[in-house]
Amino acid sequence: MNKKELIKAVATKTGFSQKDITEVVDVILGTISDTLVDGNEVNIAGFGKFLVQERAAREGVNPRTGEALHIEASKTPKFKPGKALKDAVK
């Protein structure tokens, strides 16, 4: 399911217009992104937790040349599903 399909499904279930649902989805996703950029977590009870994971600097290998290279430390978004979501998927 992509974003457009999600919006259509929510609009069908709620009776709201797709335009209204699009605005709500955009605000929710934007708020989650902004919160992660600020270094904070978003915890949605029963669904899961969005957080920022820090990756340490490390040494890697260029697959084309076999040459060793340094990979800088970085941050990446991560999602940890909650117990209710894990149980629902089983």
PDB file of N, CA and C in Angstrom:
ATOM      1  N   MET A   1       0.857  -1.181   0.000  1.00  0.00           N
ATOM      2  CA  MET A   1       0.000   0.000   0.000  1.00  0.00           C
ATOM      3  C   MET A   1       0.895   1.233   0.000  1.00  0.00           C
ATOM      4  N   ASN A   2       0.621   2.143  -0.901  1.00  0.00           N
ATOM      5  CA  ASN A   2       1.376   3.385  -0.920  1.00  0.00           C
ATOM      6  C   ASN A   2       0.544   4.495  -0.270  1.00  0.00           C
ATOM      7  N   LYS A   3       1.081   5.709  -0.258  1.00  0.00           N
ATOM      8  CA  LYS A   3       0.422   6.820   0.427  1.00  0.00           C
ATOM      9  C   LYS A   3      -0.953   7.105  -0.181  1.00  0.00           C
ATOM     10  N   LYS A   4      -1.039   7.111  -1.489  1.00  0.00           N
ATOM     11  CA  LYS A   4      -2.304   7.400  -2.167  1.00  0.00           C
ATOM     12  C   LYS A   4      -3.362   6.358  -1.818  1.00  0.00           C
ATOM     13  N   GLU A   5      -2.981   5.092  -1.796  1.00  0.00           N
ATOM     14  CA  GLU A   5      -3.909   4.020  -1.444  1.00  0.00           C
ATOM     15  C   GLU A   5      -4.332   4.115   0.017  1.00  0.00           C
ATOM     16  N   LEU A   6      -3.397   4.501   0.896  1.00  0.00           N
ATOM     17  CA  LEU A   6      -3.714   4.688   2.308  1.00  0.00           C
ATOM     18  C   LEU A   6      -4.757   5.789   2.472  1.00  0.00           C
ATOM     19  N   ILE A   7      -4.545   6.897   1.799  1.00  0.00           N
ATOM     20  CA  ILE A   7      -5.481   8.021   1.885  1.00  0.00           C
ATOM     21  C   ILE A   7      -6.868   7.599   1.397  1.00  0.00           C
ATOM     22  N   LYS A   8      -6.925   6.878   0.311  1.00  0.00           N
ATOM     23  CA  LYS A   8      -8.214   6.426  -0.237  1.00  0.00           C
ATOM     24  C   LYS A   8      -8.919   5.484   0.747  1.00  0.00           C
ATOM     25  N   ALA A   9      -8.165   4.560   1.351  1.00  0.00           N
ATOM     26  CA  ALA A   9      -8.750   3.607   2.301  1.00  0.00           C
ATOM     27  C   ALA A   9      -9.299   4.327   3.530  1.00  0.00           C
ATOM     28  N   VAL A  10      -8.543   5.289   4.063  1.00  0.00           N
ATOM     29  CA  VAL A  10      -9.000   6.029   5.245  1.00  0.00           C
ATOM     30  C   VAL A  10     -10.223   6.866   4.894  1.00  0.00           C
ATOM     31  N   ALA A  11     -10.219   7.494   3.732  1.00  0.00           N
ATOM     32  CA  ALA A  11     -11.366   8.301   3.307  1.00  0.00           C
ATOM     33  C   ALA A  11     -12.616   7.435   3.173  1.00  0.00           C
ATOM     34  N   THR A  12     -12.460   6.246   2.629  1.00  0.00           N
ATOM     35  CA  THR A  12     -13.591   5.336   2.468  1.00  0.00           C
ATOM     36  C   THR A  12     -14.146   4.904   3.832  1.00  0.00           C
ATOM     37  N   LYS A  13     -13.262   4.591   4.771  1.00  0.00           N
ATOM     38  CA  LYS A  13     -13.709   4.125   6.092  1.00  0.00           C
ATOM     39  C   LYS A  13     -14.312   5.228   6.950  1.00  0.00           C
ATOM     40  N   THR A  14     -13.827   6.467   6.778  1.00  0.00           N
ATOM     41  CA  THR A  14     -14.283   7.554   7.643  1.00  0.00           C
ATOM     42  C   THR A  14     -15.380   8.415   7.031  1.00  0.00           C
ATOM     43  N   GLY A  15     -15.484   8.414   5.706  1.00  0.00           N
ATOM     44  CA  GLY A  15     -16.463   9.262   5.057  1.00  0.00           C
ATOM     45  C   GLY A  15     -15.962  10.677   4.801  1.00  0.00           C
ATOM     46  N   PHE A  16     -14.738  10.993   5.224  1.00  0.00           N
ATOM     47  CA  PHE A  16     -14.149  12.302   4.945  1.00  0.00           C
ATOM     48  C   PHE A  16     -13.618  12.320   3.521  1.00  0.00           C
ATOM     49  N   SER A  17     -13.409  13.505   2.988  1.00  0.00           N
ATOM     50  CA  SER A  17     -12.906  13.615   1.621  1.00  0.00           C
ATOM     51  C   SER A  17     -11.426  13.226   1.567  1.00  0.00           C
ATOM     52  N   GLN A  18     -10.993  12.794   0.392  1.00  0.00           N
ATOM     53  CA  GLN A  18      -9.586  12.435   0.222  1.00  0.00           C
ATOM     54  C   GLN A  18      -8.697  13.658   0.421  1.00  0.00           C
ATOM     55  N   LYS A  19      -9.193  14.831   0.078  1.00  0.00           N
ATOM     56  CA  LYS A  19      -8.422  16.064   0.264  1.00  0.00           C
ATOM     57  C   LYS A  19      -8.149  16.297   1.754  1.00  0.00           C
ATOM     58  N   ASP A  20      -9.195  16.136   2.577  1.00  0.00           N
ATOM     59  CA  ASP A  20      -9.032  16.322   4.023  1.00  0.00           C
ATOM     60  C   ASP A  20      -8.074  15.284   4.607  1.00  0.00           C
ATOM     61  N   ILE A  21      -8.218  14.040   4.196  1.00  0.00           N
ATOM     62  CA  ILE A  21      -7.356  12.970   4.702  1.00  0.00           C
ATOM     63  C   ILE A  21      -5.917  13.204   4.259  1.00  0.00           C
ATOM     64  N   THR A  22      -5.712  13.699   3.040  1.00  0.00           N
ATOM     65  CA  THR A  22      -4.360  13.999   2.551  1.00  0.00           C
ATOM     66  C   THR A  22      -3.696  15.025   3.442  1.00  0.00           C
ATOM     67  N   GLU A  23      -4.430  16.072   3.809  1.00  0.00           N
ATOM     68  CA  GLU A  23      -3.882  17.104   4.692  1.00  0.00           C
ATOM     69  C   GLU A  23      -3.507  16.518   6.049  1.00  0.00           C
ATOM     70  N   VAL A  24      -4.363  15.684   6.603  1.00  0.00           N
ATOM     71  CA  VAL A  24      -4.099  15.078   7.915  1.00  0.00           C
ATOM     72  C   VAL A  24      -2.864  14.165   7.849  1.00  0.00           C
ATOM     73  N   VAL A  25      -2.794  13.315   6.828  1.00  0.00           N
ATOM     74  CA  VAL A  25      -1.648  12.406   6.678  1.00  0.00           C
ATOM     75  C   VAL A  25      -0.356  13.208   6.514  1.00  0.00           C
ATOM     76  N   ASP A  26      -0.393  14.260   5.702  1.00  0.00           N
ATOM     77  CA  ASP A  26       0.800  15.092   5.508  1.00  0.00           C
ATOM     78  C   ASP A  26       1.250  15.743   6.815  1.00  0.00           C
ATOM     79  N   VAL A  27       0.292  16.225   7.613  1.00  0.00           N
ATOM     80  CA  VAL A  27       0.636  16.849   8.899  1.00  0.00           C
ATOM     81  C   VAL A  27       1.221  15.813   9.857  1.00  0.00           C
ATOM     82  N   ILE A  28       0.627  14.624   9.908  1.00  0.00           N
ATOM     83  CA  ILE A  28       1.131  13.572  10.794  1.00  0.00           C
ATOM     84  C   ILE A  28       2.559  13.187  10.413  1.00  0.00           C
ATOM     85  N   LEU A  29       2.788  12.927   9.128  1.00  0.00           N
ATOM     86  CA  LEU A  29       4.123  12.522   8.689  1.00  0.00           C
ATOM     87  C   LEU A  29       5.139  13.648   8.883  1.00  0.00           C
ATOM     88  N   GLY A  30       4.718  14.878   8.632  1.00  0.00           N
ATOM     89  CA  GLY A  30       5.605  16.022   8.838  1.00  0.00           C
ATOM     90  C   GLY A  30       5.971  16.198  10.302  1.00  0.00           C
ATOM     91  N   THR A  31       5.004  16.001  11.181  1.00  0.00           N
ATOM     92  CA  THR A  31       5.251  16.120  12.614  1.00  0.00           C
ATOM     93  C   THR A  31       6.210  15.034  13.097  1.00  0.00           C
ATOM     94  N   ILE A  32       6.028  13.821  12.611  1.00  0.00           N
ATOM     95  CA  ILE A  32       6.947  12.731  12.963  1.00  0.00           C
ATOM     96  C   ILE A  32       8.349  13.069  12.480  1.00  0.00           C
ATOM     97  N   SER A  33       8.481  13.535  11.247  1.00  0.00           N
ATOM     98  CA  SER A  33       9.790  13.896  10.697  1.00  0.00           C
ATOM     99  C   SER A  33      10.447  15.013  11.497  1.00  0.00           C
ATOM    100  N   ASP A  34       9.678  16.073  11.791  1.00  0.00           N
ATOM    101  CA  ASP A  34      10.221  17.201  12.547  1.00  0.00           C
ATOM    102  C   ASP A  34      10.690  16.773  13.932  1.00  0.00           C
ATOM    103  N   THR A  35       9.927  15.897  14.570  1.00  0.00           N
ATOM    104  CA  THR A  35      10.283  15.415  15.906  1.00  0.00           C
ATOM    105  C   THR A  35      11.592  14.616  15.857  1.00  0.00           C
ATOM    106  N   LEU A  36      11.752  13.770  14.837  1.00  0.00           N
ATOM    107  CA  LEU A  36      12.974  12.993  14.695  1.00  0.00           C
ATOM    108  C   LEU A  36      14.165  13.893  14.381  1.00  0.00           C
ATOM    109  N   VAL A  37      13.967  14.909  13.553  1.00  0.00           N
ATOM    110  CA  VAL A  37      15.041  15.854  13.233  1.00  0.00           C
ATOM    111  C   VAL A  37      15.519  16.550  14.497  1.00  0.00           C
ATOM    112  N   ASP A  38      14.601  16.839  15.415  1.00  0.00           N
ATOM    113  CA  ASP A  38      14.952  17.475  16.689  1.00  0.00           C
ATOM    114  C   ASP A  38      15.631  16.507  17.658  1.00  0.00           C
ATOM    115  N   GLY A  39      15.715  15.227  17.284  1.00  0.00           N
ATOM    116  CA  GLY A  39      16.387  14.233  18.124  1.00  0.00           C
ATOM    117  C   GLY A  39      15.485  13.561  19.135  1.00  0.00           C
ATOM    118  N   ASN A  40      14.180  13.737  18.996  1.00  0.00           N
ATOM    119  CA  ASN A  40      13.232  13.140  19.936  1.00  0.00           C
ATOM    120  C   ASN A  40      12.563  11.914  19.331  1.00  0.00           C
ATOM    121  N   GLU A  41      11.880  11.146  20.175  1.00  0.00           N
ATOM    122  CA  GLU A  41      11.169   9.942  19.747  1.00  0.00           C
ATOM    123  C   GLU A  41       9.680  10.231  19.617  1.00  0.00           C
ATOM    124  N   VAL A  42       9.005   9.429  18.800  1.00  0.00           N
ATOM    125  CA  VAL A  42       7.547   9.465  18.700  1.00  0.00           C
ATOM    126  C   VAL A  42       7.067   8.071  19.083  1.00  0.00           C
ATOM    127  N   ASN A  43       6.319   7.985  20.177  1.00  0.00           N
ATOM    128  CA  ASN A  43       5.832   6.708  20.674  1.00  0.00           C
ATOM    129  C   ASN A  43       4.311   6.682  20.551  1.00  0.00           C
ATOM    130  N   ILE A  44       3.794   5.781  19.721  1.00  0.00           N
ATOM    131  CA  ILE A  44       2.358   5.635  19.535  1.00  0.00           C
ATOM    132  C   ILE A  44       1.957   4.314  20.187  1.00  0.00           C
ATOM    133  N   ALA A  45       1.298   4.419  21.334  1.00  0.00           N
ATOM    134  CA  ALA A  45       0.941   3.242  22.119  1.00  0.00           C
ATOM    135  C   ALA A  45       0.159   2.240  21.272  1.00  0.00           C
ATOM    136  N   GLY A  46       0.563   0.982  21.338  1.00  0.00           N
ATOM    137  CA  GLY A  46      -0.104  -0.082  20.609  1.00  0.00           C
ATOM    138  C   GLY A  46       0.347  -0.209  19.163  1.00  0.00           C
ATOM    139  N   PHE A  47       1.091   0.766  18.663  1.00  0.00           N
ATOM    140  CA  PHE A  47       1.542   0.724  17.273  1.00  0.00           C
ATOM    141  C   PHE A  47       3.049   0.573  17.192  1.00  0.00           C
ATOM    142  N   GLY A  48       3.777   1.513  17.783  1.00  0.00           N
ATOM    143  CA  GLY A  48       5.227   1.410  17.747  1.00  0.00           C
ATOM    144  C   GLY A  48       5.907   2.720  18.073  1.00  0.00           C
ATOM    145  N   LYS A  49       7.223   2.712  17.904  1.00  0.00           N
ATOM    146  CA  LYS A  49       8.038   3.858  18.262  1.00  0.00           C
ATOM    147  C   LYS A  49       8.947   4.229  17.094  1.00  0.00           C
ATOM    148  N   PHE A  50       8.949   5.518  16.745  1.00  0.00           N
ATOM    149  CA  PHE A  50       9.878   6.061  15.766  1.00  0.00           C
ATOM    150  C   PHE A  50      11.003   6.720  16.551  1.00  0.00           C
ATOM    151  N   LEU A  51      12.253   6.434  16.177  1.00  0.00           N
ATOM    152  CA  LEU A  51      13.382   7.010  16.885  1.00  0.00           C
ATOM    153  C   LEU A  51      14.552   7.210  15.935  1.00  0.00           C
ATOM    154  N   VAL A  52      15.566   7.932  16.418  1.00  0.00           N
ATOM    155  CA  VAL A  52      16.771   8.160  15.636  1.00  0.00           C
ATOM    156  C   VAL A  52      17.868   7.266  16.197  1.00  0.00           C
ATOM    157  N   GLN A  53      18.480   6.475  15.325  1.00  0.00           N
ATOM    158  CA  GLN A  53      19.555   5.590  15.740  1.00  0.00           C
ATOM    159  C   GLN A  53      20.875   6.164  15.222  1.00  0.00           C
ATOM    160  N   GLU A  54      21.865   6.208  16.094  1.00  0.00           N
ATOM    161  CA  GLU A  54      23.175   6.710  15.701  1.00  0.00           C
ATOM    162  C   GLU A  54      24.063   5.548  15.287  1.00  0.00           C
ATOM    163  N   ARG A  55      24.723   5.717  14.157  1.00  0.00           N
ATOM    164  CA  ARG A  55      25.662   4.717  13.665  1.00  0.00           C
ATOM    165  C   ARG A  55      27.074   5.244  13.878  1.00  0.00           C
ATOM    166  N   ALA A  56      27.914   4.430  14.448  1.00  0.00           N
ATOM    167  CA  ALA A  56      29.291   4.825  14.703  1.00  0.00           C
ATOM    168  C   ALA A  56      30.085   4.834  13.397  1.00  0.00           C
ATOM    169  N   ALA A  57      31.164   5.606  13.391  1.00  0.00           N
ATOM    170  CA  ALA A  57      32.064   5.586  12.241  1.00  0.00           C
ATOM    171  C   ALA A  57      32.705   4.204  12.162  1.00  0.00           C
ATOM    172  N   ARG A  58      33.006   3.778  10.940  1.00  0.00           N
ATOM    173  CA  ARG A  58      33.589   2.444  10.776  1.00  0.00           C
ATOM    174  C   ARG A  58      34.407   2.385   9.494  1.00  0.00           C
ATOM    175  N   GLU A  59      35.127   1.327   9.363  1.00  0.00           N
ATOM    176  CA  GLU A  59      35.906   1.105   8.151  1.00  0.00           C
ATOM    177  C   GLU A  59      35.121   0.187   7.225  1.00  0.00           C
ATOM    178  N   GLY A  60      35.121   0.496   5.947  1.00  0.00           N
ATOM    179  CA  GLY A  60      34.420  -0.311   4.966  1.00  0.00           C
ATOM    180  C   GLY A  60      35.343  -0.642   3.812  1.00  0.00           C
ATOM    181  N   VAL A  61      34.799  -1.329   2.809  1.00  0.00           N
ATOM    182  CA  VAL A  61      35.568  -1.717   1.639  1.00  0.00           C
ATOM    183  C   VAL A  61      34.789  -1.321   0.394  1.00  0.00           C
ATOM    184  N   ASN A  62      35.461  -0.654  -0.536  1.00  0.00           N
ATOM    185  CA  ASN A  62      34.852  -0.318  -1.816  1.00  0.00           C
ATOM    186  C   ASN A  62      34.703  -1.621  -2.597  1.00  0.00           C
ATOM    187  N   PRO A  63      33.464  -2.022  -2.953  1.00  0.00           N
ATOM    188  CA  PRO A  63      33.271  -3.313  -3.613  1.00  0.00           C
ATOM    189  C   PRO A  63      33.890  -3.383  -5.021  1.00  0.00           C
ATOM    190  N   ARG A  64      34.038  -2.256  -5.677  1.00  0.00           N
ATOM    191  CA  ARG A  64      34.636  -2.258  -7.015  1.00  0.00           C
ATOM    192  C   ARG A  64      36.141  -2.449  -6.994  1.00  0.00           C
ATOM    193  N   THR A  65      36.797  -1.734  -6.059  1.00  0.00           N
ATOM    194  CA  THR A  65      38.263  -1.736  -6.057  1.00  0.00           C
ATOM    195  C   THR A  65      38.863  -2.575  -4.942  1.00  0.00           C
ATOM    196  N   GLY A  66      38.065  -2.884  -3.928  1.00  0.00           N
ATOM    197  CA  GLY A  66      38.598  -3.607  -2.785  1.00  0.00           C
ATOM    198  C   GLY A  66      39.375  -2.703  -1.843  1.00  0.00           C
ATOM    199  N   GLU A  67      39.379  -1.402  -2.138  1.00  0.00           N
ATOM    200  CA  GLU A  67      40.122  -0.428  -1.344  1.00  0.00           C
ATOM    201  C   GLU A  67      39.386  -0.138  -0.033  1.00  0.00           C
ATOM    202  N   ALA A  68      40.135  -0.038   1.059  1.00  0.00           N
ATOM    203  CA  ALA A  68      39.559   0.294   2.363  1.00  0.00           C
ATOM    204  C   ALA A  68      39.161   1.764   2.362  1.00  0.00           C
ATOM    205  N   LEU A  69      38.030   2.066   3.015  1.00  0.00           N
ATOM    206  CA  LEU A  69      37.605   3.453   3.126  1.00  0.00           C
ATOM    207  C   LEU A  69      36.939   3.682   4.471  1.00  0.00           C
ATOM    208  N   HIS A  70      36.924   4.950   4.859  1.00  0.00           N
ATOM    209  CA  HIS A  70      36.348   5.324   6.151  1.00  0.00           C
ATOM    210  C   HIS A  70      34.900   5.759   5.928  1.00  0.00           C
ATOM    211  N   ILE A  71      33.974   5.201   6.700  1.00  0.00           N
ATOM    212  CA  ILE A  71      32.564   5.577   6.639  1.00  0.00           C
ATOM    213  C   ILE A  71      32.277   6.432   7.870  1.00  0.00           C
ATOM    214  N   GLU A  72      31.813   7.654   7.634  1.00  0.00           N
ATOM    215  CA  GLU A  72      31.551   8.597   8.720  1.00  0.00           C
ATOM    216  C   GLU A  72      30.390   8.133   9.605  1.00  0.00           C
ATOM    217  N   ALA A  73      30.375   8.622  10.838  1.00  0.00           N
ATOM    218  CA  ALA A  73      29.247   8.374  11.739  1.00  0.00           C
ATOM    219  C   ALA A  73      28.010   9.041  11.150  1.00  0.00           C
ATOM    220  N   SER A  74      26.835   8.459  11.384  1.00  0.00           N
ATOM    221  CA  SER A  74      25.606   9.030  10.839  1.00  0.00           C
ATOM    222  C   SER A  74      24.425   8.711  11.747  1.00  0.00           C
ATOM    223  N   LYS A  75      23.315   9.337  11.449  1.00  0.00           N
ATOM    224  CA  LYS A  75      22.069   9.079  12.156  1.00  0.00           C
ATOM    225  C   LYS A  75      21.058   8.594  11.136  1.00  0.00           C
ATOM    226  N   THR A  76      20.189   7.683  11.549  1.00  0.00           N
ATOM    227  CA  THR A  76      19.167   7.158  10.651  1.00  0.00           C
ATOM    228  C   THR A  76      17.867   6.942  11.426  1.00  0.00           C
ATOM    229  N   PRO A  77      16.717   7.169  10.781  1.00  0.00           N
ATOM    230  CA  PRO A  77      15.453   6.910  11.457  1.00  0.00           C
ATOM    231  C   PRO A  77      15.211   5.410  11.576  1.00  0.00           C
ATOM    232  N   LYS A  78      14.528   5.032  12.646  1.00  0.00           N
ATOM    233  CA  LYS A  78      14.252   3.619  12.894  1.00  0.00           C
ATOM    234  C   LYS A  78      12.833   3.499  13.445  1.00  0.00           C
ATOM    235  N   PHE A  79      12.188   2.381  13.147  1.00  0.00           N
ATOM    236  CA  PHE A  79      10.856   2.102  13.676  1.00  0.00           C
ATOM    237  C   PHE A  79      10.892   0.782  14.420  1.00  0.00           C
ATOM    238  N   LYS A  80      10.393   0.791  15.649  1.00  0.00           N
ATOM    239  CA  LYS A  80      10.262  -0.429  16.436  1.00  0.00           C
ATOM    240  C   LYS A  80       8.772  -0.694  16.629  1.00  0.00           C
ATOM    241  N   PRO A  81       8.260  -1.780  16.059  1.00  0.00           N
ATOM    242  CA  PRO A  81       6.822  -2.058  16.225  1.00  0.00           C
ATOM    243  C   PRO A  81       6.482  -2.399  17.671  1.00  0.00           C
ATOM    244  N   GLY A  82       5.290  -2.006  18.086  1.00  0.00           N
ATOM    245  CA  GLY A  82       4.802  -2.320  19.426  1.00  0.00           C
ATOM    246  C   GLY A  82       4.271  -3.742  19.483  1.00  0.00           C
ATOM    247  N   LYS A  83       4.038  -4.216  20.705  1.00  0.00           N
ATOM    248  CA  LYS A  83       3.584  -5.589  20.900  1.00  0.00           C
ATOM    249  C   LYS A  83       2.257  -5.854  20.192  1.00  0.00           C
ATOM    250  N   ALA A  84       1.321  -4.921  20.284  1.00  0.00           N
ATOM    251  CA  ALA A  84       0.009  -5.115  19.652  1.00  0.00           C
ATOM    252  C   ALA A  84       0.147  -5.258  18.145  1.00  0.00           C
ATOM    253  N   LEU A  85       1.016  -4.482  17.524  1.00  0.00           N
ATOM    254  CA  LEU A  85       1.225  -4.588  16.075  1.00  0.00           C
ATOM    255  C   LEU A  85       1.902  -5.911  15.719  1.00  0.00           C
ATOM    256  N   LYS A  86       2.877  -6.305  16.517  1.00  0.00           N
ATOM    257  CA  LYS A  86       3.551  -7.598  16.269  1.00  0.00           C
ATOM    258  C   LYS A  86       2.563  -8.747  16.366  1.00  0.00           C
ATOM    259  N   ASP A  87       1.709  -8.703  17.396  1.00  0.00           N
ATOM    260  CA  ASP A  87       0.729  -9.772  17.591  1.00  0.00           C
ATOM    261  C   ASP A  87      -0.309  -9.797  16.460  1.00  0.00           C
ATOM    262  N   ALA A  88      -0.689  -8.623  15.967  1.00  0.00           N
ATOM    263  CA  ALA A  88      -1.682  -8.549  14.892  1.00  0.00           C
ATOM    264  C   ALA A  88      -1.137  -9.123  13.583  1.00  0.00           C
ATOM    265  N   VAL A  89       0.162  -8.988  13.363  1.00  0.00           N
ATOM    266  CA  VAL A  89       0.768  -9.464  12.119  1.00  0.00           C
ATOM    267  C   VAL A  89       0.967 -10.967  12.141  1.00  0.00           C
ATOM    268  N   LYS A  90       1.120 -11.562  13.306  1.00  0.00           N
ATOM    269  CA  LYS A  90       1.366 -13.002  13.413  1.00  0.00           C
ATOM    270  C   LYS A  90       0.282 -13.775  12.777  1.00  0.00           C
TER     271      LYS A  90
END
